[in-house]
Amino acid sequence: MKPELSEKSSKNFVDHSYFNYLIKCPIGQKFRVKCVNAGHHAKRRLACLGIIPGVDIIKKKAAPFRGPVEITVKGSSLVIGRGLASKIIVTPF
Protein backbone atom coordinates (compact mmCIF):
# COMPACT_ATOMS: atom_id res chain seq x y z
CA MET A 1 0.00 0.00 0.00
CA LYS A 2 1.44 3.40 -1.03
CA PRO A 3 1.58 6.15 1.55
CA GLU A 4 -0.61 9.16 0.79
CA LEU A 5 1.09 12.49 0.15
CA SER A 6 0.07 15.28 2.42
CA GLU A 7 -0.85 18.68 0.98
CA LYS A 8 2.46 20.13 2.08
CA SER A 9 4.61 17.41 0.50
CA SER A 10 2.59 17.24 -2.73
CA LYS A 11 2.95 21.01 -3.11
CA ASN A 12 6.75 20.65 -3.34
CA PHE A 13 6.61 17.61 -5.62
CA VAL A 14 8.33 18.09 -9.00
CA ASP A 15 7.22 15.88 -11.87
CA HIS A 16 10.47 15.08 -13.67
CA SER A 17 8.63 13.44 -16.59
CA TYR A 18 7.67 16.98 -17.65
CA PHE A 19 11.33 17.78 -18.39
CA ASN A 20 13.27 16.10 -21.16
CA TYR A 21 16.63 16.28 -22.89
CA LEU A 22 16.60 17.91 -26.32
CA ILE A 23 17.95 14.83 -28.11
CA LYS A 24 15.03 12.71 -26.82
CA CYS A 25 12.36 15.17 -28.02
CA PRO A 26 10.43 14.71 -31.27
CA ILE A 27 11.35 16.65 -34.40
CA GLY A 28 9.24 19.63 -35.45
CA GLN A 29 7.97 20.67 -32.03
CA LYS A 30 8.59 23.85 -30.06
CA PHE A 31 10.26 23.71 -26.64
CA ARG A 32 11.40 26.11 -23.93
CA VAL A 33 14.88 25.69 -22.47
CA LYS A 34 14.63 24.88 -18.76
CA CYS A 35 18.34 24.65 -17.97
CA VAL A 36 21.68 23.54 -19.36
CA ASN A 37 23.28 20.66 -17.49
CA ALA A 38 26.90 21.28 -18.52
CA GLY A 39 30.18 22.81 -17.43
CA HIS A 40 31.19 26.44 -17.62
CA HIS A 41 32.62 26.37 -21.17
CA ALA A 42 29.69 24.48 -22.67
CA LYS A 43 27.21 26.84 -20.99
CA ARG A 44 29.14 29.84 -22.29
CA ARG A 45 29.24 28.44 -25.83
CA LEU A 46 25.49 27.76 -25.80
CA ALA A 47 24.82 31.22 -24.34
CA CYS A 48 26.81 32.79 -27.18
CA LEU A 49 24.56 30.90 -29.60
CA GLY A 50 21.47 32.25 -27.81
CA ILE A 51 20.53 29.06 -25.99
CA ILE A 52 19.81 30.22 -22.45
CA PRO A 53 17.09 29.24 -19.95
CA GLY A 54 13.70 30.63 -20.93
CA VAL A 55 14.31 30.88 -24.68
CA ASP A 56 12.04 29.04 -27.15
CA ILE A 57 13.62 26.62 -29.61
CA ILE A 58 12.33 24.36 -32.38
CA LYS A 59 13.99 21.03 -33.13
CA LYS A 60 14.16 20.85 -36.94
CA LYS A 61 16.30 17.82 -37.80
CA ALA A 62 18.40 15.14 -36.16
CA ALA A 63 21.00 13.29 -38.17
CA PRO A 64 21.04 9.51 -37.81
CA PHE A 65 23.78 7.54 -36.08
CA ARG A 66 24.63 10.09 -33.38
CA GLY A 67 25.02 13.01 -35.80
CA PRO A 68 24.30 16.70 -35.16
CA VAL A 69 20.94 18.26 -34.30
CA GLU A 70 19.49 21.25 -36.18
CA ILE A 71 17.46 23.71 -34.12
CA THR A 72 15.93 27.17 -34.62
CA VAL A 73 16.63 29.79 -31.97
CA LYS A 74 15.14 33.29 -32.31
CA GLY A 75 14.67 32.80 -36.06
CA SER A 76 18.22 31.52 -36.71
CA SER A 77 19.00 27.95 -37.68
CA LEU A 78 21.82 26.36 -35.71
CA VAL A 79 23.46 22.97 -35.90
CA ILE A 80 24.91 21.68 -32.64
CA GLY A 81 26.59 18.42 -31.84
CA ARG A 82 24.68 15.64 -30.16
CA GLY A 83 26.89 15.94 -27.08
CA LEU A 84 25.86 19.56 -26.49
CA ALA A 85 22.22 18.79 -27.36
CA SER A 86 22.21 16.04 -24.74
CA LYS A 87 22.95 18.64 -22.06
CA ILE A 88 20.00 20.92 -22.87
CA ILE A 89 16.94 20.23 -20.72
CA VAL A 90 13.67 21.46 -22.23
CA THR A 91 9.95 21.57 -21.45
CA PRO A 92 7.12 21.36 -23.99
CA PHE A 93 5.82 24.72 -25.10
C-alpha atoms as a PDB file:
ATOM      1  CA  MET A   1       0.000   0.000   0.000  1.00  0.00           C
ATOM      2  CA  LYS A   2       1.438   3.400  -1.034  1.00  0.00           C
ATOM      3  CA  PRO A   3       1.584   6.153   1.553  1.00  0.00           C
ATOM      4  CA  GLU A   4      -0.608   9.158   0.788  1.00  0.00           C
ATOM      5  CA  LEU A   5       1.090  12.486   0.145  1.00  0.00           C
ATOM      6  CA  SER A   6       0.068  15.280   2.419  1.00  0.00           C
ATOM      7  CA  GLU A   7      -0.852  18.683   0.976  1.00  0.00           C
ATOM      8  CA  LYS A   8       2.463  20.134   2.082  1.00  0.00           C
ATOM      9  CA  SER A   9       4.614  17.407   0.500  1.00  0.00           C
ATOM     10  CA  SER A  10       2.590  17.237  -2.729  1.00  0.00           C
ATOM     11  CA  LYS A  11       2.954  21.007  -3.115  1.00  0.00           C
ATOM     12  CA  ASN A  12       6.747  20.653  -3.343  1.00  0.00           C
ATOM     13  CA  PHE A  13       6.612  17.614  -5.620  1.00  0.00           C
ATOM     14  CA  VAL A  14       8.333  18.088  -9.005  1.00  0.00           C
ATOM     15  CA  ASP A  15       7.217  15.883 -11.873  1.00  0.00           C
ATOM     16  CA  HIS A  16      10.474  15.079 -13.673  1.00  0.00           C
ATOM     17  CA  SER A  17       8.625  13.443 -16.590  1.00  0.00           C
ATOM     18  CA  TYR A  18       7.671  16.979 -17.650  1.00  0.00           C
ATOM     19  CA  PHE A  19      11.335  17.782 -18.390  1.00  0.00           C
ATOM     20  CA  ASN A  20      13.272  16.098 -21.164  1.00  0.00           C
ATOM     21  CA  TYR A  21      16.628  16.279 -22.890  1.00  0.00           C
ATOM     22  CA  LEU A  22      16.601  17.908 -26.321  1.00  0.00           C
ATOM     23  CA  ILE A  23      17.945  14.825 -28.107  1.00  0.00           C
ATOM     24  CA  LYS A  24      15.025  12.714 -26.820  1.00  0.00           C
ATOM     25  CA  CYS A  25      12.362  15.174 -28.024  1.00  0.00           C
ATOM     26  CA  PRO A  26      10.427  14.709 -31.267  1.00  0.00           C
ATOM     27  CA  ILE A  27      11.345  16.645 -34.396  1.00  0.00           C
ATOM     28  CA  GLY A  28       9.241  19.630 -35.453  1.00  0.00           C
ATOM     29  CA  GLN A  29       7.971  20.667 -32.032  1.00  0.00           C
ATOM     30  CA  LYS A  30       8.590  23.853 -30.060  1.00  0.00           C
ATOM     31  CA  PHE A  31      10.264  23.711 -26.643  1.00  0.00           C
ATOM     32  CA  ARG A  32      11.400  26.111 -23.929  1.00  0.00           C
ATOM     33  CA  VAL A  33      14.881  25.693 -22.467  1.00  0.00           C
ATOM     34  CA  LYS A  34      14.631  24.880 -18.763  1.00  0.00           C
ATOM     35  CA  CYS A  35      18.344  24.650 -17.974  1.00  0.00           C
ATOM     36  CA  VAL A  36      21.683  23.539 -19.359  1.00  0.00           C
ATOM     37  CA  ASN A  37      23.284  20.662 -17.493  1.00  0.00           C
ATOM     38  CA  ALA A  38      26.901  21.284 -18.518  1.00  0.00           C
ATOM     39  CA  GLY A  39      30.179  22.808 -17.428  1.00  0.00           C
ATOM     40  CA  HIS A  40      31.186  26.444 -17.620  1.00  0.00           C
ATOM     41  CA  HIS A  41      32.623  26.371 -21.168  1.00  0.00           C
ATOM     42  CA  ALA A  42      29.688  24.484 -22.672  1.00  0.00           C
ATOM     43  CA  LYS A  43      27.212  26.844 -20.992  1.00  0.00           C
ATOM     44  CA  ARG A  44      29.142  29.837 -22.288  1.00  0.00           C
ATOM     45  CA  ARG A  45      29.235  28.441 -25.830  1.00  0.00           C
ATOM     46  CA  LEU A  46      25.489  27.761 -25.805  1.00  0.00           C
ATOM     47  CA  ALA A  47      24.818  31.222 -24.342  1.00  0.00           C
ATOM     48  CA  CYS A  48      26.810  32.792 -27.181  1.00  0.00           C
ATOM     49  CA  LEU A  49      24.558  30.899 -29.604  1.00  0.00           C
ATOM     50  CA  GLY A  50      21.471  32.249 -27.807  1.00  0.00           C
ATOM     51  CA  ILE A  51      20.525  29.057 -25.985  1.00  0.00           C
ATOM     52  CA  ILE A  52      19.805  30.222 -22.447  1.00  0.00           C
ATOM     53  CA  PRO A  53      17.093  29.236 -19.946  1.00  0.00           C
ATOM     54  CA  GLY A  54      13.698  30.627 -20.929  1.00  0.00           C
ATOM     55  CA  VAL A  55      14.312  30.882 -24.678  1.00  0.00           C
ATOM     56  CA  ASP A  56      12.043  29.040 -27.146  1.00  0.00           C
ATOM     57  CA  ILE A  57      13.620  26.616 -29.613  1.00  0.00           C
ATOM     58  CA  ILE A  58      12.327  24.357 -32.380  1.00  0.00           C
ATOM     59  CA  LYS A  59      13.991  21.032 -33.135  1.00  0.00           C
ATOM     60  CA  LYS A  60      14.163  20.854 -36.942  1.00  0.00           C
ATOM     61  CA  LYS A  61      16.300  17.819 -37.797  1.00  0.00           C
ATOM     62  CA  ALA A  62      18.398  15.141 -36.155  1.00  0.00           C
ATOM     63  CA  ALA A  63      21.001  13.294 -38.170  1.00  0.00           C
ATOM     64  CA  PRO A  64      21.038   9.514 -37.812  1.00  0.00           C
ATOM     65  CA  PHE A  65      23.781   7.539 -36.079  1.00  0.00           C
ATOM     66  CA  ARG A  66      24.629  10.093 -33.381  1.00  0.00           C
ATOM     67  CA  GLY A  67      25.017  13.011 -35.799  1.00  0.00           C
ATOM     68  CA  PRO A  68      24.305  16.696 -35.155  1.00  0.00           C
ATOM     69  CA  VAL A  69      20.936  18.262 -34.302  1.00  0.00           C
ATOM     70  CA  GLU A  70      19.492  21.253 -36.178  1.00  0.00           C
ATOM     71  CA  ILE A  71      17.463  23.715 -34.123  1.00  0.00           C
ATOM     72  CA  THR A  72      15.934  27.167 -34.621  1.00  0.00           C
ATOM     73  CA  VAL A  73      16.629  29.795 -31.968  1.00  0.00           C
ATOM     74  CA  LYS A  74      15.141  33.293 -32.313  1.00  0.00           C
ATOM     75  CA  GLY A  75      14.672  32.797 -36.056  1.00  0.00           C
ATOM     76  CA  SER A  76      18.221  31.523 -36.709  1.00  0.00           C
ATOM     77  CA  SER A  77      19.004  27.947 -37.682  1.00  0.00           C
ATOM     78  CA  LEU A  78      21.822  26.360 -35.711  1.00  0.00           C
ATOM     79  CA  VAL A  79      23.460  22.966 -35.898  1.00  0.00           C
ATOM     80  CA  ILE A  80      24.915  21.680 -32.644  1.00  0.00           C
ATOM     81  CA  GLY A  81      26.592  18.419 -31.844  1.00  0.00           C
ATOM     82  CA  ARG A  82      24.682  15.643 -30.158  1.00  0.00           C
ATOM     83  CA  GLY A  83      26.886  15.942 -27.076  1.00  0.00           C
ATOM     84  CA  LEU A  84      25.858  19.555 -26.490  1.00  0.00           C
ATOM     85  CA  ALA A  85      22.225  18.791 -27.365  1.00  0.00           C
ATOM     86  CA  SER A  86      22.207  16.041 -24.744  1.00  0.00           C
ATOM     87  CA  LYS A  87      22.952  18.638 -22.055  1.00  0.00           C
ATOM     88  CA  ILE A  88      20.003  20.918 -22.870  1.00  0.00           C
ATOM     89  CA  ILE A  89      16.936  20.231 -20.717  1.00  0.00           C
ATOM     90  CA  VAL A  90      13.672  21.461 -22.232  1.00  0.00           C
ATOM     91  CA  THR A  91       9.954  21.572 -21.449  1.00  0.00           C
ATOM     92  CA  PRO A  92       7.117  21.360 -23.990  1.00  0.00           C
ATOM     93  CA  PHE A  93       5.819  24.722 -25.102  1.00  0.00           C
END
